Amino acid sequence: LDTLVYQPSSIDRAKLIDEAMRKRPEYRQARL
């Protein structure tokens, strides 16, 4: 399907890094 349309995004950059630390498997692998 053609999904090449513009939809404005809302990014809360203050919370992104904390979310990434919780969900990135590479970080969990490094700690393990």
Full PDB file with SEQRES, HELIX, SHEET, SSBOND, CRYST1, ORIGX, SCALE, CONECT and MASTER records, all heavy atoms in Angstrom:
SEQRES   1 A   32  LEU ASP THR LEU VAL TYR GLN PRO SER SER ILE ASP ARG          
SEQRES   2 A   32  ALA LYS LEU ILE ASP GLU ALA MET ARG LYS ARG PRO GLU          
SEQRES   3 A   32  TYR ARG GLN ALA ARG LEU                                      
HELIX    1 AA1 ARG A   13  LYS A   23  1                                  11    
HELIX    2 AA2 PRO A   25  ARG A   31  1                                   7    
CRYST1    1.000    1.000    1.000  90.00  90.00  90.00 P 1           1          
ORIGX1      1.000000  0.000000  0.000000        0.00000                         
ORIGX2      0.000000  1.000000  0.000000        0.00000                         
ORIGX3      0.000000  0.000000  1.000000        0.00000                         
SCALE1      1.000000  0.000000  0.000000        0.00000                         
SCALE2      0.000000  1.000000  0.000000        0.00000                         
SCALE3      0.000000  0.000000  1.000000        0.00000                         
ATOM      1  N   LEU A   1       0.836  -1.194   0.000  1.00  0.00           N  
ATOM      2  CA  LEU A   1       0.000   0.000   0.000  1.00  0.00           C  
ATOM      3  C   LEU A   1       0.873   1.246   0.000  1.00  0.00           C  
ATOM      4  O   LEU A   1       2.015   1.222   0.476  1.00  0.00           O  
ATOM      5  CB  LEU A   1      -0.915   0.003   1.230  1.00  0.00           C  
ATOM      6  CG  LEU A   1      -1.939  -1.130   1.331  1.00  0.00           C  
ATOM      7  CD1 LEU A   1      -2.676  -1.047   2.665  1.00  0.00           C  
ATOM      8  CD2 LEU A   1      -2.920  -1.078   0.174  1.00  0.00           C  
ATOM      9  N   ASP A   2       0.338   2.336  -0.508  1.00  0.00           N  
ATOM     10  CA  ASP A   2       1.070   3.599  -0.524  1.00  0.00           C  
ATOM     11  C   ASP A   2       0.905   4.282   0.834  1.00  0.00           C  
ATOM     12  O   ASP A   2      -0.173   4.767   1.182  1.00  0.00           O  
ATOM     13  CB  ASP A   2       0.542   4.503  -1.647  1.00  0.00           C  
ATOM     14  CG  ASP A   2       1.377   5.783  -1.774  1.00  0.00           C  
ATOM     15  OD1 ASP A   2       2.381   5.906  -1.042  1.00  0.00           O  
ATOM     16  OD2 ASP A   2       1.021   6.648  -2.594  1.00  0.00           O  
ATOM     17  N   THR A   3       1.973   4.283   1.625  1.00  0.00           N  
ATOM     18  CA  THR A   3       1.951   4.925   2.942  1.00  0.00           C  
ATOM     19  C   THR A   3       2.843   6.154   2.975  1.00  0.00           C  
ATOM     20  O   THR A   3       3.150   6.662   4.054  1.00  0.00           O  
ATOM     21  CB  THR A   3       2.425   3.926   4.020  1.00  0.00           C  
ATOM     22  OG1 THR A   3       3.771   3.507   3.723  1.00  0.00           O  
ATOM     23  CG2 THR A   3       1.513   2.715   4.071  1.00  0.00           C  
ATOM     24  N   LEU A   4       3.240   6.630   1.798  1.00  0.00           N  
ATOM     25  CA  LEU A   4       4.163   7.758   1.741  1.00  0.00           C  
ATOM     26  C   LEU A   4       3.387   9.065   1.890  1.00  0.00           C  
ATOM     27  O   LEU A   4       3.269   9.864   0.953  1.00  0.00           O  
ATOM     28  CB  LEU A   4       4.931   7.738   0.412  1.00  0.00           C  
ATOM     29  CG  LEU A   4       6.369   8.291   0.473  1.00  0.00           C  
ATOM     30  CD1 LEU A   4       7.193   7.467   1.437  1.00  0.00           C  
ATOM     31  CD2 LEU A   4       6.993   8.264  -0.909  1.00  0.00           C  
ATOM     32  N   VAL A   5       2.864   9.250   3.086  1.00  0.00           N  
ATOM     33  CA  VAL A   5       2.130  10.475   3.414  1.00  0.00           C  
ATOM     34  C   VAL A   5       2.726  11.055   4.683  1.00  0.00           C  
ATOM     35  O   VAL A   5       3.343  10.346   5.495  1.00  0.00           O  
ATOM     36  CB  VAL A   5       0.625  10.189   3.602  1.00  0.00           C  
ATOM     37  CG1 VAL A   5       0.005   9.750   2.292  1.00  0.00           C  
ATOM     38  CG2 VAL A   5       0.397   9.138   4.679  1.00  0.00           C  
ATOM     39  N   TYR A   6       2.523  12.352   4.841  1.00  0.00           N  
ATOM     40  CA  TYR A   6       3.088  13.037   6.002  1.00  0.00           C  
ATOM     41  C   TYR A   6       2.081  13.093   7.129  1.00  0.00           C  
ATOM     42  O   TYR A   6       0.952  13.552   6.955  1.00  0.00           O  
ATOM     43  CB  TYR A   6       3.516  14.453   5.619  1.00  0.00           C  
ATOM     44  CG  TYR A   6       3.930  15.295   6.804  1.00  0.00           C  
ATOM     45  CD1 TYR A   6       4.981  14.895   7.640  1.00  0.00           C  
ATOM     46  CD2 TYR A   6       3.258  16.475   7.110  1.00  0.00           C  
ATOM     47  CE1 TYR A   6       5.354  15.656   8.726  1.00  0.00           C  
ATOM     48  CE2 TYR A   6       3.633  17.246   8.198  1.00  0.00           C  
ATOM     49  CZ  TYR A   6       4.671  16.828   9.001  1.00  0.00           C  
ATOM     50  OH  TYR A   6       5.038  17.587  10.094  1.00  0.00           O  
ATOM     51  N   GLN A   7       2.485  12.587   8.285  1.00  0.00           N  
ATOM     52  CA  GLN A   7       1.691  12.664   9.490  1.00  0.00           C  
ATOM     53  C   GLN A   7       2.558  13.263  10.585  1.00  0.00           C  
ATOM     54  O   GLN A   7       3.587  12.671  10.960  1.00  0.00           O  
ATOM     55  CB  GLN A   7       1.183  11.285   9.914  1.00  0.00           C  
ATOM     56  CG  GLN A   7       0.212  10.643   8.929  1.00  0.00           C  
ATOM     57  CD  GLN A   7      -0.183   9.245   9.342  1.00  0.00           C  
ATOM     58  OE1 GLN A   7       0.468   8.614  10.175  1.00  0.00           O  
ATOM     59  NE2 GLN A   7      -1.255   8.743   8.756  1.00  0.00           N  
ATOM     60  N   PRO A   8       2.216  14.443  11.079  1.00  0.00           N  
ATOM     61  CA  PRO A   8       3.070  15.085  12.090  1.00  0.00           C  
ATOM     62  C   PRO A   8       3.302  14.175  13.290  1.00  0.00           C  
ATOM     63  O   PRO A   8       2.399  13.461  13.734  1.00  0.00           O  
ATOM     64  CB  PRO A   8       2.273  16.337  12.475  1.00  0.00           C  
ATOM     65  CG  PRO A   8       1.371  16.597  11.300  1.00  0.00           C  
ATOM     66  CD  PRO A   8       1.040  15.246  10.742  1.00  0.00           C  
ATOM     67  N   SER A   9       4.518  14.175  13.783  1.00  0.00           N  
ATOM     68  CA  SER A   9       4.886  13.328  14.923  1.00  0.00           C  
ATOM     69  C   SER A   9       5.149  14.198  16.140  1.00  0.00           C  
ATOM     70  O   SER A   9       5.573  15.356  16.021  1.00  0.00           O  
ATOM     71  CB  SER A   9       6.141  12.505  14.594  1.00  0.00           C  
ATOM     72  OG  SER A   9       7.238  13.366  14.366  1.00  0.00           O  
ATOM     73  N   SER A  10       4.869  13.636  17.293  1.00  0.00           N  
ATOM     74  CA  SER A  10       5.154  14.325  18.561  1.00  0.00           C  
ATOM     75  C   SER A  10       6.197  13.515  19.313  1.00  0.00           C  
ATOM     76  O   SER A  10       5.979  12.349  19.638  1.00  0.00           O  
ATOM     77  CB  SER A  10       3.878  14.467  19.398  1.00  0.00           C  
ATOM     78  OG  SER A  10       3.311  13.202  19.656  1.00  0.00           O  
ATOM     79  N   ILE A  11       7.340  14.122  19.544  1.00  0.00           N  
ATOM     80  CA  ILE A  11       8.463  13.435  20.179  1.00  0.00           C  
ATOM     81  C   ILE A  11       8.811  14.144  21.481  1.00  0.00           C  
ATOM     82  O   ILE A  11       9.131  15.339  21.478  1.00  0.00           O  
ATOM     83  CB  ILE A  11       9.694  13.405  19.250  1.00  0.00           C  
ATOM     84  CG1 ILE A  11       9.357  12.659  17.961  1.00  0.00           C  
ATOM     85  CG2 ILE A  11      10.882  12.771  19.953  1.00  0.00           C  
ATOM     86  CD1 ILE A  11      10.502  12.645  16.969  1.00  0.00           C  
ATOM     87  N   ASP A  12       8.716  13.424  22.578  1.00  0.00           N  
ATOM     88  CA  ASP A  12       9.120  13.943  23.881  1.00  0.00           C  
ATOM     89  C   ASP A  12      10.563  13.504  24.128  1.00  0.00           C  
ATOM     90  O   ASP A  12      10.827  12.425  24.655  1.00  0.00           O  
ATOM     91  CB  ASP A  12       8.192  13.422  24.975  1.00  0.00           C  
ATOM     92  CG  ASP A  12       8.469  14.068  26.332  1.00  0.00           C  
ATOM     93  OD1 ASP A  12       9.412  14.883  26.412  1.00  0.00           O  
ATOM     94  OD2 ASP A  12       7.743  13.761  27.302  1.00  0.00           O  
ATOM     95  N   ARG A  13      11.486  14.327  23.731  1.00  0.00           N  
ATOM     96  CA  ARG A  13      12.901  13.935  23.768  1.00  0.00           C  
ATOM     97  C   ARG A  13      13.405  13.748  25.189  1.00  0.00           C  
ATOM     98  O   ARG A  13      14.411  13.072  25.404  1.00  0.00           O  
ATOM     99  CB  ARG A  13      13.742  14.972  23.018  1.00  0.00           C  
ATOM    100  CG  ARG A  13      13.376  15.074  21.541  1.00  0.00           C  
ATOM    101  CD  ARG A  13      14.155  16.130  20.821  1.00  0.00           C  
ATOM    102  NE  ARG A  13      15.571  15.889  20.823  1.00  0.00           N  
ATOM    103  CZ  ARG A  13      16.466  16.680  20.226  1.00  0.00           C  
ATOM    104  NH1 ARG A  13      16.052  17.751  19.561  1.00  0.00           N  
ATOM    105  NH2 ARG A  13      17.743  16.400  20.279  1.00  0.00           N  
ATOM    106  N   ALA A  14      12.733  14.339  26.166  1.00  0.00           N  
ATOM    107  CA  ALA A  14      13.193  14.195  27.551  1.00  0.00           C  
ATOM    108  C   ALA A  14      13.025  12.767  28.058  1.00  0.00           C  
ATOM    109  O   ALA A  14      13.761  12.327  28.943  1.00  0.00           O  
ATOM    110  CB  ALA A  14      12.439  15.163  28.456  1.00  0.00           C  
ATOM    111  N   LYS A  15      12.062  12.035  27.503  1.00  0.00           N  
ATOM    112  CA  LYS A  15      11.794  10.678  27.980  1.00  0.00           C  
ATOM    113  C   LYS A  15      12.373   9.597  27.071  1.00  0.00           C  
ATOM    114  O   LYS A  15      12.292   8.418  27.404  1.00  0.00           O  
ATOM    115  CB  LYS A  15      10.276  10.468  28.100  1.00  0.00           C  
ATOM    116  CG  LYS A  15       9.598  11.405  29.085  1.00  0.00           C  
ATOM    117  CD  LYS A  15       8.103  11.130  29.139  1.00  0.00           C  
ATOM    118  CE  LYS A  15       7.399  12.058  30.123  1.00  0.00           C  
ATOM    119  NZ  LYS A  15       5.936  11.824  30.167  1.00  0.00           N  
ATOM    120  N   LEU A  16      12.923  10.013  25.933  1.00  0.00           N  
ATOM    121  CA  LEU A  16      13.345   9.007  24.963  1.00  0.00           C  
ATOM    122  C   LEU A  16      14.496   8.154  25.474  1.00  0.00           C  
ATOM    123  O   LEU A  16      14.499   6.935  25.308  1.00  0.00           O  
ATOM    124  CB  LEU A  16      13.741   9.696  23.649  1.00  0.00           C  
ATOM    125  CG  LEU A  16      12.615  10.388  22.878  1.00  0.00           C  
ATOM    126  CD1 LEU A  16      13.133  10.932  21.561  1.00  0.00           C  
ATOM    127  CD2 LEU A  16      11.465   9.415  22.633  1.00  0.00           C  
ATOM    128  N   ILE A  17      15.489   8.783  26.065  1.00  0.00           N  
ATOM    129  CA  ILE A  17      16.686   8.032  26.477  1.00  0.00           C  
ATOM    130  C   ILE A  17      16.341   7.029  27.573  1.00  0.00           C  
ATOM    131  O   ILE A  17      16.800   5.872  27.548  1.00  0.00           O  
ATOM    132  CB  ILE A  17      17.791   9.005  26.928  1.00  0.00           C  
ATOM    133  CG1 ILE A  17      18.274   9.844  25.731  1.00  0.00           C  
ATOM    134  CG2 ILE A  17      18.950   8.243  27.555  1.00  0.00           C  
ATOM    135  CD1 ILE A  17      19.355  10.836  26.071  1.00  0.00           C  
ATOM    136  N   ASP A  18      15.515   7.447  28.543  1.00  0.00           N  
ATOM    137  CA  ASP A  18      15.121   6.506  29.606  1.00  0.00           C  
ATOM    138  C   ASP A  18      14.357   5.321  29.018  1.00  0.00           C  
ATOM    139  O   ASP A  18      14.562   4.173  29.436  1.00  0.00           O  
ATOM    140  CB  ASP A  18      14.257   7.227  30.641  1.00  0.00           C  
ATOM    141  CG  ASP A  18      15.058   8.250  31.445  1.00  0.00           C  
ATOM    142  OD1 ASP A  18      16.290   8.112  31.495  1.00  0.00           O  
ATOM    143  OD2 ASP A  18      14.447   9.184  31.993  1.00  0.00           O  
ATOM    144  N   GLU A  19      13.492   5.595  28.075  1.00  0.00           N  
ATOM    145  CA  GLU A  19      12.743   4.508  27.434  1.00  0.00           C  
ATOM    146  C   GLU A  19      13.669   3.564  26.679  1.00  0.00           C  
ATOM    147  O   GLU A  19      13.508   2.338  26.719  1.00  0.00           O  
ATOM    148  CB  GLU A  19      11.694   5.090  26.488  1.00  0.00           C  
ATOM    149  CG  GLU A  19      10.842   4.031  25.794  1.00  0.00           C  
ATOM    150  CD  GLU A  19       9.807   4.645  24.866  1.00  0.00           C  
ATOM    151  OE1 GLU A  19       9.706   5.893  24.832  1.00  0.00           O  
ATOM    152  OE2 GLU A  19       9.116   3.874  24.166  1.00  0.00           O  
ATOM    153  N   ALA A  20      14.651   4.151  25.993  1.00  0.00           N  
ATOM    154  CA  ALA A  20      15.599   3.328  25.236  1.00  0.00           C  
ATOM    155  C   ALA A  20      16.425   2.441  26.165  1.00  0.00           C  
ATOM    156  O   ALA A  20      16.686   1.272  25.848  1.00  0.00           O  
ATOM    157  CB  ALA A  20      16.514   4.215  24.403  1.00  0.00           C  
ATOM    158  N   MET A  21      16.822   2.969  27.316  1.00  0.00           N  
ATOM    159  CA  MET A  21      17.610   2.177  28.256  1.00  0.00           C  
ATOM    160  C   MET A  21      16.808   0.992  28.788  1.00  0.00           C  
ATOM    161  O   MET A  21      17.357  -0.067  29.079  1.00  0.00           O  
ATOM    162  CB  MET A  21      18.076   3.050  29.421  1.00  0.00           C  
ATOM    163  CG  MET A  21      19.127   4.073  29.038  1.00  0.00           C  
ATOM    164  SD  MET A  21      20.636   3.324  28.380  1.00  0.00           S  
ATOM    165  CE  MET A  21      21.566   4.780  27.992  1.00  0.00           C  
ATOM    166  N   ARG A  22      15.502   1.154  28.891  1.00  0.00           N  
ATOM    167  CA  ARG A  22      14.671   0.056  29.398  1.00  0.00           C  
ATOM    168  C   ARG A  22      14.424  -1.000  28.337  1.00  0.00           C  
ATOM    169  O   ARG A  22      14.300  -2.188  28.653  1.00  0.00           O  
ATOM    170  CB  ARG A  22      13.332   0.593  29.901  1.00  0.00           C  
ATOM    171  CG  ARG A  22      13.400   1.445  31.142  1.00  0.00           C  
ATOM    172  CD  ARG A  22      12.012   1.625  31.751  1.00  0.00           C  
ATOM    173  NE  ARG A  22      11.052   2.113  30.766  1.00  0.00           N  
ATOM    174  CZ  ARG A  22      10.808   3.392  30.520  1.00  0.00           C  
ATOM    175  NH1 ARG A  22      11.469   4.314  31.193  1.00  0.00           N  
ATOM    176  NH2 ARG A  22       9.902   3.749  29.625  1.00  0.00           N  
ATOM    177  N   LYS A  23      14.363  -0.599  27.074  1.00  0.00           N  
ATOM    178  CA  LYS A  23      13.890  -1.509  26.039  1.00  0.00           C  
ATOM    179  C   LYS A  23      14.980  -2.012  25.101  1.00  0.00           C  
ATOM    180  O   LYS A  23      14.745  -3.013  24.405  1.00  0.00           O  
ATOM    181  CB  LYS A  23      12.806  -0.810  25.207  1.00  0.00           C  
ATOM    182  CG  LYS A  23      11.552  -0.497  25.994  1.00  0.00           C  
ATOM    183  CD  LYS A  23      10.491   0.123  25.103  1.00  0.00           C  
ATOM    184  CE  LYS A  23       9.201   0.392  25.862  1.00  0.00           C  
ATOM    185  NZ  LYS A  23       8.170   1.002  25.006  1.00  0.00           N  
ATOM    186  N   ARG A  24      16.128  -1.363  25.052  1.00  0.00           N  
ATOM    187  CA  ARG A  24      17.145  -1.814  24.104  1.00  0.00           C  
ATOM    188  C   ARG A  24      17.781  -3.117  24.575  1.00  0.00           C  
ATOM    189  O   ARG A  24      18.361  -3.187  25.670  1.00  0.00           O  
ATOM    190  CB  ARG A  24      18.231  -0.751  23.922  1.00  0.00           C  
ATOM    191  CG  ARG A  24      17.842   0.415  23.055  1.00  0.00           C  
ATOM    192  CD  ARG A  24      17.787   0.067  21.595  1.00  0.00           C  
ATOM    193  NE  ARG A  24      19.093  -0.144  21.023  1.00  0.00           N  
ATOM    194  CZ  ARG A  24      19.814   0.812  20.444  1.00  0.00           C  
ATOM    195  NH1 ARG A  24      19.354   2.051  20.371  1.00  0.00           N  
ATOM    196  NH2 ARG A  24      20.994   0.540  19.929  1.00  0.00           N  
ATOM    197  N   PRO A  25      17.699  -4.197  23.781  1.00  0.00           N  
ATOM    198  CA  PRO A  25      18.295  -5.466  24.205  1.00  0.00           C  
ATOM    199  C   PRO A  25      19.813  -5.398  24.298  1.00  0.00           C  
ATOM    200  O   PRO A  25      20.413  -6.140  25.082  1.00  0.00           O  
ATOM    201  CB  PRO A  25      17.839  -6.445  23.115  1.00  0.00           C  
ATOM    202  CG  PRO A  25      17.494  -5.594  21.943  1.00  0.00           C  
ATOM    203  CD  PRO A  25      17.005  -4.304  22.498  1.00  0.00           C  
ATOM    204  N   GLU A  26      20.451  -4.507  23.536  1.00  0.00           N  
ATOM    205  CA  GLU A  26      21.914  -4.403  23.608  1.00  0.00           C  
ATOM    206  C   GLU A  26      22.366  -3.979  25.007  1.00  0.00           C  
ATOM    207  O   GLU A  26      23.385  -4.473  25.514  1.00  0.00           O  
ATOM    208  CB  GLU A  26      22.441  -3.400  22.584  1.00  0.00           C  
ATOM    209  CG  GLU A  26      22.150  -3.765  21.144  1.00  0.00           C  
ATOM    210  CD  GLU A  26      20.932  -3.042  20.631  1.00  0.00           C  
ATOM    211  OE1 GLU A  26      19.920  -3.019  21.361  1.00  0.00           O  
ATOM    212  OE2 GLU A  26      20.993  -2.504  19.515  1.00  0.00           O  
ATOM    213  N   TYR A  27      21.602  -3.074  25.622  1.00  0.00           N  
ATOM    214  CA  TYR A  27      21.970  -2.622  26.960  1.00  0.00           C  
ATOM    215  C   TYR A  27      21.790  -3.747  27.977  1.00  0.00           C  
ATOM    216  O   TYR A  27      22.639  -3.947  28.858  1.00  0.00           O  
ATOM    217  CB  TYR A  27      21.121  -1.413  27.341  1.00  0.00           C  
ATOM    218  CG  TYR A  27      21.473  -0.813  28.684  1.00  0.00           C  
ATOM    219  CD1 TYR A  27      22.726  -0.265  28.901  1.00  0.00           C  
ATOM    220  CD2 TYR A  27      20.556  -0.807  29.734  1.00  0.00           C  
ATOM    221  CE1 TYR A  27      23.060   0.276  30.133  1.00  0.00           C  
ATOM    222  CE2 TYR A  27      20.874  -0.261  30.962  1.00  0.00           C  
ATOM    223  CZ  TYR A  27      22.134   0.277  31.154  1.00  0.00           C  
ATOM    224  OH  TYR A  27      22.465   0.817  32.373  1.00  0.00           O  
ATOM    225  N   ARG A  28      20.687  -4.472  27.861  1.00  0.00           N  
ATOM    226  CA  ARG A  28      20.486  -5.605  28.772  1.00  0.00           C  
ATOM    227  C   ARG A  28      21.552  -6.668  28.551  1.00  0.00           C  
ATOM    228  O   ARG A  28      22.013  -7.303  29.517  1.00  0.00           O  
ATOM    229  CB  ARG A  28      19.087  -6.185  28.574  1.00  0.00           C  
ATOM    230  CG  ARG A  28      17.966  -5.225  28.972  1.00  0.00           C  
ATOM    231  CD  ARG A  28      16.634  -5.959  29.090  1.00  0.00           C  
ATOM    232  NE  ARG A  28      16.178  -6.434  27.796  1.00  0.00           N  
ATOM    233  CZ  ARG A  28      15.376  -5.758  26.985  1.00  0.00           C  
ATOM    234  NH1 ARG A  28      14.961  -4.560  27.322  1.00  0.00           N  
ATOM    235  NH2 ARG A  28      14.986  -6.274  25.830  1.00  0.00           N  
ATOM    236  N   GLN A  29      21.938  -6.890  27.306  1.00  0.00           N  
ATOM    237  CA  GLN A  29      22.995  -7.863  27.036  1.00  0.00           C  
ATOM    238  C   GLN A  29      24.315  -7.446  27.677  1.00  0.00           C  
ATOM    239  O   GLN A  29      25.021  -8.272  28.270  1.00  0.00           O  
ATOM    240  CB  GLN A  29      23.185  -8.013  25.527  1.00  0.00           C  
ATOM    241  CG  GLN A  29      22.125  -8.853  24.847  1.00  0.00           C  
ATOM    242  CD  GLN A  29      22.387  -8.983  23.365  1.00  0.00           C  
ATOM    243  OE1 GLN A  29      22.822  -8.051  22.694  1.00  0.00           O  
ATOM    244  NE2 GLN A  29      22.120 -10.154  22.816  1.00  0.00           N  
ATOM    245  N   ALA A  30      24.662  -6.158  27.559  1.00  0.00           N  
ATOM    246  CA  ALA A  30      25.918  -5.680  28.140  1.00  0.00           C  
ATOM    247  C   ALA A  30      25.923  -5.873  29.654  1.00  0.00           C  
ATOM    248  O   ALA A  30      26.936  -6.297  30.242  1.00  0.00           O  
ATOM    249  CB  ALA A  30      26.130  -4.211  27.775  1.00  0.00           C  
ATOM    250  N   ARG A  31      24.806  -5.589  30.297  1.00  0.00           N  
ATOM    251  CA  ARG A  31      24.737  -5.761  31.753  1.00  0.00           C  
ATOM    252  C   ARG A  31      24.790  -7.233  32.140  1.00  0.00           C  
ATOM    253  O   ARG A  31      25.434  -7.603  33.142  1.00  0.00           O  
ATOM    254  CB  ARG A  31      23.454  -5.112  32.278  1.00  0.00           C  
ATOM    255  CG  ARG A  31      23.411  -3.606  32.069  1.00  0.00           C  
ATOM    256  CD  ARG A  31      22.276  -2.978  32.808  1.00  0.00           C  
ATOM    257  NE  ARG A  31      22.334  -3.311  34.235  1.00  0.00           N  
ATOM    258  CZ  ARG A  31      21.815  -2.528  35.185  1.00  0.00           C  
ATOM    259  NH1 ARG A  31      21.246  -1.401  34.879  1.00  0.00           N  
ATOM    260  NH2 ARG A  31      21.876  -2.903  36.446  1.00  0.00           N  
ATOM    261  N   LEU A  32      24.123  -8.094  31.367  1.00  0.00           N  
ATOM    262  CA  LEU A  32      24.165  -9.526  31.663  1.00  0.00           C  
ATOM    263  C   LEU A  32      25.581 -10.079  31.499  1.00  0.00           C  
ATOM    264  O   LEU A  32      26.027 -10.914  32.297  1.00  0.00           O  
ATOM    265  CB  LEU A  32      23.194 -10.274  30.751  1.00  0.00           C  
ATOM    266  CG  LEU A  32      21.706 -10.107  31.070  1.00  0.00           C  
ATOM    267  CD1 LEU A  32      20.855 -10.658  29.945  1.00  0.00           C  
ATOM    268  CD2 LEU A  32      21.354 -10.801  32.388  1.00  0.00           C  
TER     269      LEU A  32                                                      
MASTER        0    0    0    2    0    0    0    6  268    1    0    3          
END                                                                             
